[in-house]
Amino acid sequence: MAESKGRKPDTTTETSATPQLDDEVLAKIAGLRQHVRESFGKVAMSMMMLPRYRHQTLADLQHLVLDPLIRDRIAIAQRAGEGLVAQDIAGVAIWASVSGEVDAKIRDQIAAGTWPVRLKSEEWNSGSINWLLDVIASDQRSVASVIANFRQVVKEGGLKLHPLITRLVDAETLEKMGATRGPSAAAPQSVPEGETVN
């Protein structure tokens, strides 16, 4: 195809083909991004304080924090109070609602002593079987408070607990929740808090 002399080829693109987002939608997206960044930071910093997570790599943050966070499978409990106290977190609950197949995968990992449990992105909310996989808090009282209030997050169905949870809180709190114990793992049960389990 020959070009006419003196005329440049038309290199403009049609912008009308690309849908434009209105300001309200853009504000919601910006708010969601800010929430994810802030929550990610809070959870990652909480994990850094616990010996059971210190051996994890930066790459592990994808499946430990980001995947469950964007699927709404991390519950962050805020402290009661005013000002700076209200901005501090009381604890974090990491949970999943899984299919029967993923439930079996979790039980197999626990039986093998795998810590932390590893799930694919799509497995975090793949069904109706609820698992509380970890609670991160500064002391046993805070752990108990996070667990006691966790029923507000998971309102329906049973709740299975990772064996680690049963060591973090007293049996009375677990009974009040109506929680059932998951399979126990031989290796992690005997590992002190300051040690790591691979």
C-alpha atoms as a PDB file:
ATOM      1  CA  MET A   1       0.000   0.000   0.000  1.00  0.00           C
ATOM      2  CA  ALA A   2       1.540   3.264  -1.072  1.00  0.00           C
ATOM      3  CA  GLU A   3       1.469   6.329   1.108  1.00  0.00           C
ATOM      4  CA  SER A   4       0.656   9.656  -0.427  1.00  0.00           C
ATOM      5  CA  LYS A   5       3.498  12.131  -0.443  1.00  0.00           C
ATOM      6  CA  GLY A   6       3.592  14.560   2.414  1.00  0.00           C
ATOM      7  CA  ARG A   7       1.066  12.686   4.554  1.00  0.00           C
ATOM      8  CA  LYS A   8       2.112  10.744   7.583  1.00  0.00           C
ATOM      9  CA  PRO A   9       0.375   7.474   8.373  1.00  0.00           C
ATOM     10  CA  ASP A  10      -2.386   7.676  10.994  1.00  0.00           C
ATOM     11  CA  THR A  11      -0.852   6.425  14.250  1.00  0.00           C
ATOM     12  CA  THR A  12      -3.571   7.575  16.613  1.00  0.00           C
ATOM     13  CA  THR A  13      -5.452   4.946  18.555  1.00  0.00           C
ATOM     14  CA  GLU A  14      -9.046   5.035  19.502  1.00  0.00           C
ATOM     15  CA  THR A  15      -9.456   5.704  23.189  1.00  0.00           C
ATOM     16  CA  SER A  16     -13.179   5.222  23.056  1.00  0.00           C
ATOM     17  CA  ALA A  17     -12.653   1.447  22.743  1.00  0.00           C
ATOM     18  CA  THR A  18     -11.064   1.392  26.205  1.00  0.00           C
ATOM     19  CA  PRO A  19     -13.680   1.819  28.929  1.00  0.00           C
ATOM     20  CA  GLN A  20     -12.971   4.691  31.288  1.00  0.00           C
ATOM     21  CA  LEU A  21     -13.562   4.196  35.000  1.00  0.00           C
ATOM     22  CA  ASP A  22     -15.422   6.883  36.852  1.00  0.00           C
ATOM     23  CA  ASP A  23     -13.945   8.633  39.872  1.00  0.00           C
ATOM     24  CA  GLU A  24     -16.038   6.643  42.357  1.00  0.00           C
ATOM     25  CA  VAL A  25     -14.750   3.301  41.060  1.00  0.00           C
ATOM     26  CA  LEU A  26     -11.167   4.595  41.003  1.00  0.00           C
ATOM     27  CA  ALA A  27     -11.525   5.767  44.615  1.00  0.00           C
ATOM     28  CA  LYS A  28     -12.816   2.328  45.643  1.00  0.00           C
ATOM     29  CA  ILE A  29      -9.908   0.612  43.897  1.00  0.00           C
ATOM     30  CA  ALA A  30      -7.424   2.953  45.581  1.00  0.00           C
ATOM     31  CA  GLY A  31      -9.048   2.283  48.964  1.00  0.00           C
ATOM     32  CA  LEU A  32      -8.887  -1.472  48.417  1.00  0.00           C
ATOM     33  CA  ARG A  33      -5.217  -1.291  47.440  1.00  0.00           C
ATOM     34  CA  GLN A  34      -4.447   0.765  50.545  1.00  0.00           C
ATOM     35  CA  HIS A  35      -6.330  -1.723  52.746  1.00  0.00           C
ATOM     36  CA  VAL A  36      -4.445  -4.700  51.268  1.00  0.00           C
ATOM     37  CA  ARG A  37      -1.066  -2.975  51.696  1.00  0.00           C
ATOM     38  CA  GLU A  38      -1.808  -1.939  55.274  1.00  0.00           C
ATOM     39  CA  SER A  39      -3.199  -5.347  56.259  1.00  0.00           C
ATOM     40  CA  PHE A  40      -0.327  -7.164  54.549  1.00  0.00           C
ATOM     41  CA  GLY A  41       2.165  -5.094  56.544  1.00  0.00           C
ATOM     42  CA  LYS A  42       0.376  -5.698  59.841  1.00  0.00           C
ATOM     43  CA  VAL A  43       0.198  -9.453  59.301  1.00  0.00           C
ATOM     44  CA  ALA A  44       3.802  -9.747  58.077  1.00  0.00           C
ATOM     45  CA  MET A  45       5.075  -7.742  61.060  1.00  0.00           C
ATOM     46  CA  SER A  46       3.051  -9.894  63.449  1.00  0.00           C
ATOM     47  CA  MET A  47       4.527 -13.033  61.902  1.00  0.00           C
ATOM     48  CA  MET A  48       8.060 -11.651  62.263  1.00  0.00           C
ATOM     49  CA  MET A  49       7.630 -11.613  66.037  1.00  0.00           C
ATOM     50  CA  LEU A  50       7.000 -15.362  66.227  1.00  0.00           C
ATOM     51  CA  PRO A  51       9.799 -17.933  66.046  1.00  0.00           C
ATOM     52  CA  ARG A  52       7.548 -20.341  64.139  1.00  0.00           C
ATOM     53  CA  TYR A  53       7.571 -17.966  61.132  1.00  0.00           C
ATOM     54  CA  ARG A  54      11.110 -16.577  61.256  1.00  0.00           C
ATOM     55  CA  HIS A  55      12.527 -19.241  58.934  1.00  0.00           C
ATOM     56  CA  GLN A  56      10.101 -18.319  56.131  1.00  0.00           C
ATOM     57  CA  THR A  57      11.422 -16.516  53.052  1.00  0.00           C
ATOM     58  CA  LEU A  58      10.057 -13.406  51.386  1.00  0.00           C
ATOM     59  CA  ALA A  59       8.682 -15.642  48.619  1.00  0.00           C
ATOM     60  CA  ASP A  60       6.634 -17.492  51.262  1.00  0.00           C
ATOM     61  CA  LEU A  61       4.687 -14.292  51.998  1.00  0.00           C
ATOM     62  CA  GLN A  62       2.723 -14.906  48.788  1.00  0.00           C
ATOM     63  CA  HIS A  63       1.054 -18.091  50.045  1.00  0.00           C
ATOM     64  CA  LEU A  64       1.228 -17.260  53.774  1.00  0.00           C
ATOM     65  CA  VAL A  65      -0.248 -13.758  53.662  1.00  0.00           C
ATOM     66  CA  LEU A  66      -1.215 -12.372  50.259  1.00  0.00           C
ATOM     67  CA  ASP A  67      -3.237 -15.319  48.915  1.00  0.00           C
ATOM     68  CA  PRO A  68      -5.425 -15.686  52.022  1.00  0.00           C
ATOM     69  CA  LEU A  69      -5.661 -11.906  52.480  1.00  0.00           C
ATOM     70  CA  ILE A  70      -7.076 -11.196  49.036  1.00  0.00           C
ATOM     71  CA  ARG A  71      -9.531 -14.077  49.506  1.00  0.00           C
ATOM     72  CA  ASP A  72     -10.707 -12.631  52.833  1.00  0.00           C
ATOM     73  CA  ARG A  73      -9.240 -15.517  54.831  1.00  0.00           C
ATOM     74  CA  ILE A  74      -7.276 -13.413  57.297  1.00  0.00           C
ATOM     75  CA  ALA A  75      -9.181 -11.819  60.150  1.00  0.00           C
ATOM     76  CA  ILE A  76      -7.443  -8.975  61.977  1.00  0.00           C
ATOM     77  CA  ALA A  77      -8.704  -8.220  65.482  1.00  0.00           C
ATOM     78  CA  GLN A  78      -8.273  -4.624  66.644  1.00  0.00           C
ATOM     79  CA  ARG A  79      -7.711  -3.645  70.263  1.00  0.00           C
ATOM     80  CA  ALA A  80     -10.530  -1.859  72.039  1.00  0.00           C
ATOM     81  CA  GLY A  81      -9.817   1.700  73.066  1.00  0.00           C
ATOM     82  CA  GLU A  82      -9.155   5.167  71.736  1.00  0.00           C
ATOM     83  CA  GLY A  83      -6.392   6.741  69.662  1.00  0.00           C
ATOM     84  CA  LEU A  84      -3.208   4.785  69.081  1.00  0.00           C
ATOM     85  CA  VAL A  85      -4.407   1.839  71.171  1.00  0.00           C
ATOM     86  CA  ALA A  86      -7.335   1.321  68.788  1.00  0.00           C
ATOM     87  CA  GLN A  87      -4.938   1.264  65.813  1.00  0.00           C
ATOM     88  CA  ASP A  88      -2.900  -1.594  67.299  1.00  0.00           C
ATOM     89  CA  ILE A  89      -3.921  -5.129  66.418  1.00  0.00           C
ATOM     90  CA  ALA A  90      -4.892  -7.620  69.103  1.00  0.00           C
ATOM     91  CA  GLY A  91      -4.225 -10.586  66.875  1.00  0.00           C
ATOM     92  CA  VAL A  92      -4.600 -12.264  63.516  1.00  0.00           C
ATOM     93  CA  ALA A  93      -6.555 -15.386  62.586  1.00  0.00           C
ATOM     94  CA  ILE A  94      -5.592 -17.264  59.424  1.00  0.00           C
ATOM     95  CA  TRP A  95      -8.348 -19.544  58.223  1.00  0.00           C
ATOM     96  CA  ALA A  96      -9.679 -21.330  55.167  1.00  0.00           C
ATOM     97  CA  SER A  97     -13.026 -22.653  53.952  1.00  0.00           C
ATOM     98  CA  VAL A  98     -12.134 -25.648  51.849  1.00  0.00           C
ATOM     99  CA  SER A  99     -13.519 -28.516  49.792  1.00  0.00           C
ATOM    100  CA  GLY A 100     -13.358 -32.136  50.909  1.00  0.00           C
ATOM    101  CA  GLU A 101     -10.309 -32.680  48.708  1.00  0.00           C
ATOM    102  CA  VAL A 102      -8.438 -29.715  50.230  1.00  0.00           C
ATOM    103  CA  ASP A 103      -9.554 -30.787  53.726  1.00  0.00           C
ATOM    104  CA  ALA A 104      -7.807 -34.122  53.107  1.00  0.00           C
ATOM    105  CA  LYS A 105      -4.727 -32.245  51.852  1.00  0.00           C
ATOM    106  CA  ILE A 106      -4.608 -30.164  55.064  1.00  0.00           C
ATOM    107  CA  ARG A 107      -4.977 -33.273  57.230  1.00  0.00           C
ATOM    108  CA  ASP A 108      -2.190 -35.004  55.270  1.00  0.00           C
ATOM    109  CA  GLN A 109       0.127 -32.017  55.755  1.00  0.00           C
ATOM    110  CA  ILE A 110      -0.604 -31.929  59.491  1.00  0.00           C
ATOM    111  CA  ALA A 111       0.001 -35.675  59.816  1.00  0.00           C
ATOM    112  CA  ALA A 112       3.329 -35.239  57.991  1.00  0.00           C
ATOM    113  CA  GLY A 113       4.348 -32.415  60.343  1.00  0.00           C
ATOM    114  CA  THR A 114       4.346 -29.757  57.615  1.00  0.00           C
ATOM    115  CA  TRP A 115       4.352 -26.205  58.960  1.00  0.00           C
ATOM    116  CA  PRO A 116       2.908 -23.931  57.856  1.00  0.00           C
ATOM    117  CA  VAL A 117       0.126 -25.578  55.876  1.00  0.00           C
ATOM    118  CA  ARG A 118       0.492 -24.735  52.194  1.00  0.00           C
ATOM    119  CA  LEU A 119      -2.544 -24.079  50.029  1.00  0.00           C
ATOM    120  CA  LYS A 120      -2.844 -22.964  46.419  1.00  0.00           C
ATOM    121  CA  SER A 121      -4.517 -19.615  45.795  1.00  0.00           C
ATOM    122  CA  GLU A 122      -7.835 -21.095  44.741  1.00  0.00           C
ATOM    123  CA  GLU A 123      -7.930 -23.557  47.667  1.00  0.00           C
ATOM    124  CA  TRP A 124      -8.334 -20.930  50.418  1.00  0.00           C
ATOM    125  CA  ASN A 125     -12.061 -20.574  49.734  1.00  0.00           C
ATOM    126  CA  SER A 126     -12.840 -23.721  47.774  1.00  0.00           C
ATOM    127  CA  GLY A 127     -15.665 -25.117  49.927  1.00  0.00           C
ATOM    128  CA  SER A 128     -17.581 -25.083  53.196  1.00  0.00           C
ATOM    129  CA  ILE A 129     -15.226 -26.949  55.560  1.00  0.00           C
ATOM    130  CA  ASN A 130     -13.782 -24.305  57.889  1.00  0.00           C
ATOM    131  CA  TRP A 131     -10.240 -24.582  59.225  1.00  0.00           C
ATOM    132  CA  LEU A 132      -8.578 -22.231  61.702  1.00  0.00           C
ATOM    133  CA  LEU A 133      -4.932 -22.664  60.718  1.00  0.00           C
ATOM    134  CA  ASP A 134      -3.198 -20.184  63.019  1.00  0.00           C
ATOM    135  CA  VAL A 135      -3.736 -17.374  65.486  1.00  0.00           C
ATOM    136  CA  ILE A 136      -1.012 -14.795  65.860  1.00  0.00           C
ATOM    137  CA  ALA A 137      -1.128 -12.728  69.036  1.00  0.00           C
ATOM    138  CA  SER A 138       1.268 -11.439  71.666  1.00  0.00           C
ATOM    139  CA  ASP A 139       0.064 -13.555  74.601  1.00  0.00           C
ATOM    140  CA  GLN A 140      -2.304 -16.396  75.532  1.00  0.00           C
ATOM    141  CA  ARG A 141      -5.034 -14.008  76.670  1.00  0.00           C
ATOM    142  CA  SER A 142      -4.997 -12.233  73.289  1.00  0.00           C
ATOM    143  CA  VAL A 143      -5.014 -15.588  71.485  1.00  0.00           C
ATOM    144  CA  ALA A 144      -8.070 -16.639  73.510  1.00  0.00           C
ATOM    145  CA  SER A 145      -9.803 -13.344  72.716  1.00  0.00           C
ATOM    146  CA  VAL A 146      -9.143 -13.672  68.979  1.00  0.00           C
ATOM    147  CA  ILE A 147     -10.406 -17.260  68.972  1.00  0.00           C
ATOM    148  CA  ALA A 148     -13.480 -16.409  71.049  1.00  0.00           C
ATOM    149  CA  ASN A 149     -14.436 -13.629  68.625  1.00  0.00           C
ATOM    150  CA  PHE A 150     -13.608 -15.680  65.540  1.00  0.00           C
ATOM    151  CA  ARG A 151     -17.150 -17.077  65.465  1.00  0.00           C
ATOM    152  CA  GLN A 152     -18.267 -13.629  64.287  1.00  0.00           C
ATOM    153  CA  VAL A 153     -16.244 -14.252  61.126  1.00  0.00           C
ATOM    154  CA  VAL A 154     -17.247 -17.878  60.544  1.00  0.00           C
ATOM    155  CA  LYS A 155     -20.912 -17.925  61.471  1.00  0.00           C
ATOM    156  CA  GLU A 156     -21.963 -21.218  59.898  1.00  0.00           C
ATOM    157  CA  GLY A 157     -20.684 -24.760  59.953  1.00  0.00           C
ATOM    158  CA  GLY A 158     -18.147 -26.560  62.048  1.00  0.00           C
ATOM    159  CA  LEU A 159     -14.650 -25.358  62.680  1.00  0.00           C
ATOM    160  CA  LYS A 160     -11.584 -27.569  62.549  1.00  0.00           C
ATOM    161  CA  LEU A 161      -8.452 -26.453  64.337  1.00  0.00           C
ATOM    162  CA  HIS A 162      -4.844 -26.968  63.427  1.00  0.00           C
ATOM    163  CA  PRO A 163      -3.155 -28.788  66.363  1.00  0.00           C
ATOM    164  CA  LEU A 164      -1.054 -25.681  66.959  1.00  0.00           C
ATOM    165  CA  ILE A 165      -4.204 -23.779  67.988  1.00  0.00           C
ATOM    166  CA  THR A 166      -5.009 -26.323  70.676  1.00  0.00           C
ATOM    167  CA  ARG A 167      -1.599 -25.608  72.229  1.00  0.00           C
ATOM    168  CA  LEU A 168      -2.055 -21.837  72.144  1.00  0.00           C
ATOM    169  CA  VAL A 169      -5.246 -21.704  74.219  1.00  0.00           C
ATOM    170  CA  ASP A 170      -6.930 -23.567  77.050  1.00  0.00           C
ATOM    171  CA  ALA A 171      -9.474 -26.343  76.444  1.00  0.00           C
ATOM    172  CA  GLU A 172     -12.332 -24.324  78.001  1.00  0.00           C
ATOM    173  CA  THR A 173     -12.101 -21.621  75.324  1.00  0.00           C
ATOM    174  CA  LEU A 174     -12.084 -24.278  72.616  1.00  0.00           C
ATOM    175  CA  GLU A 175     -15.179 -25.932  74.090  1.00  0.00           C
ATOM    176  CA  LYS A 176     -17.034 -22.599  74.196  1.00  0.00           C
ATOM    177  CA  MET A 177     -16.367 -22.224  70.482  1.00  0.00           C
ATOM    178  CA  GLY A 178     -17.630 -25.705  69.720  1.00  0.00           C
ATOM    179  CA  ALA A 179     -14.413 -26.386  67.838  1.00  0.00           C
ATOM    180  CA  THR A 180     -13.208 -29.838  66.917  1.00  0.00           C
ATOM    181  CA  ARG A 181      -9.590 -30.884  66.984  1.00  0.00           C
ATOM    182  CA  GLY A 182      -7.941 -31.796  63.726  1.00  0.00           C
ATOM    183  CA  PRO A 183      -5.502 -34.689  63.374  1.00  0.00           C
ATOM    184  CA  SER A 184      -2.460 -34.367  65.545  1.00  0.00           C
ATOM    185  CA  ALA A 185       1.041 -34.356  64.179  1.00  0.00           C
ATOM    186  CA  ALA A 186       3.806 -36.072  66.097  1.00  0.00           C
ATOM    187  CA  ALA A 187       6.694 -33.773  65.159  1.00  0.00           C
ATOM    188  CA  PRO A 188       5.268 -30.270  65.746  1.00  0.00           C
ATOM    189  CA  GLN A 189       3.597 -31.234  69.042  1.00  0.00           C
ATOM    190  CA  SER A 190       6.987 -31.655  70.718  1.00  0.00           C
ATOM    191  CA  VAL A 191       8.775 -28.654  69.206  1.00  0.00           C
ATOM    192  CA  PRO A 192       9.232 -25.712  71.584  1.00  0.00           C
ATOM    193  CA  GLU A 193       8.011 -22.275  70.451  1.00  0.00           C
ATOM    194  CA  GLY A 194      11.573 -21.073  69.844  1.00  0.00           C
ATOM    195  CA  GLU A 195      12.390 -23.857  67.387  1.00  0.00           C
ATOM    196  CA  THR A 196      11.418 -24.288  63.754  1.00  0.00           C
ATOM    197  CA  VAL A 197       9.714 -27.168  62.021  1.00  0.00           C
ATOM    198  CA  ASN A 198      10.342 -27.862  58.348  1.00  0.00           C
END
